[in-house]
């Protein structure tokens, strides 16, 4: 099932399908290894729900909801 990254609940896993971000934003995340095909897991959300932490390629990164909702993932 396809969805956006911001819809993953803590503990859920997904695979990145597409990054619908601006070039500078896409480049920053690509440097971290967040590219199509990357498997990730939502680790947790802040108390107010934004940002959320995701684990991929051995790192944890926090993404704001406005960025995560433009990243398309397939649920695993």
Protein backbone atom coordinates (compact mmCIF):
# COMPACT_ATOMS: atom_id res chain seq x y z
CA UNK A 1 0.00 0.00 0.00
CA UNK A 2 1.31 3.45 -0.93
CA UNK A 3 1.12 6.39 1.44
CA UNK A 4 3.14 9.40 2.52
CA UNK A 5 5.91 9.13 5.10
CA UNK A 6 4.10 11.32 7.63
CA UNK A 7 1.36 8.67 7.92
CA UNK A 8 3.68 6.00 9.32
CA UNK A 9 3.01 5.32 12.98
CA UNK A 10 5.85 4.53 15.40
CA UNK A 11 7.05 1.00 14.70
CA UNK A 12 5.74 0.89 11.12
CA UNK A 13 8.16 0.22 8.27
CA UNK A 14 8.19 1.44 4.69
CA UNK A 15 10.26 1.73 1.52
CA UNK A 16 10.79 5.11 -0.15
CA UNK A 17 9.21 5.28 -3.61
CA UNK A 18 9.60 8.97 -4.49
CA UNK A 19 10.81 12.26 -3.03
CA UNK A 20 8.49 15.12 -3.97
CA UNK A 21 10.78 17.73 -2.45
CA UNK A 22 12.50 20.83 -3.77
CA UNK A 23 15.99 20.19 -5.20
CA UNK A 24 17.85 21.54 -2.15
CA UNK A 25 15.72 19.52 0.25
CA UNK A 26 16.09 16.39 -1.88
CA UNK A 27 19.86 16.82 -1.99
CA UNK A 28 20.11 17.18 1.80
CA UNK A 29 18.17 13.97 2.41
CA UNK A 30 20.04 12.14 -0.35
CA UNK A 31 23.30 12.91 1.43
CA UNK A 32 21.90 11.09 4.45
CA UNK A 33 20.98 8.13 2.24
CA UNK A 34 17.23 8.75 1.99
CA UNK A 35 16.69 7.88 -1.66
CA UNK A 36 14.11 5.76 -3.52
CA UNK A 37 14.45 2.14 -2.43
CA UNK A 38 15.57 2.98 1.11
CA UNK A 39 13.80 0.99 3.82
CA UNK A 40 12.99 2.88 6.99
CA UNK A 41 11.04 2.71 10.22
CA UNK A 42 9.19 5.41 12.13
CA UNK A 43 10.85 5.45 15.55
CA UNK A 44 8.77 8.02 17.41
CA UNK A 45 6.92 11.31 17.21
CA UNK A 46 7.43 14.36 19.36
CA UNK A 47 4.72 14.97 21.99
CA UNK A 48 2.88 17.35 19.65
CA UNK A 49 3.31 15.00 16.66
CA UNK A 50 5.81 17.08 14.70
CA UNK A 51 8.62 16.29 13.97
CA UNK A 52 8.91 12.50 13.81
CA UNK A 53 12.09 10.42 13.95
CA UNK A 54 12.88 7.81 11.30
CA UNK A 55 15.61 5.17 11.27
CA UNK A 56 17.28 4.23 7.99
CA UNK A 57 20.75 3.13 6.88
CA UNK A 58 21.96 3.00 10.48
CA UNK A 59 21.00 6.56 11.42
CA UNK A 60 18.02 8.31 12.96
CA UNK A 61 16.79 11.55 11.47
CA UNK A 62 13.93 13.84 12.46
CA UNK A 63 11.76 15.18 9.67
CA UNK A 64 9.09 17.83 9.85
CA UNK A 65 5.60 16.79 8.81
CA UNK A 66 5.61 19.25 5.89
CA UNK A 67 8.64 17.42 4.43
CA UNK A 68 7.52 13.89 5.34
CA UNK A 69 4.14 14.34 3.65
CA UNK A 70 5.94 14.89 0.31
CA UNK A 71 7.82 11.58 0.53
CA UNK A 72 5.91 8.64 -0.96
CA UNK A 73 6.46 5.25 0.70
CA UNK A 74 5.23 1.71 0.33
CA UNK A 75 4.26 0.03 3.60
CA UNK A 76 6.24 -3.12 4.44
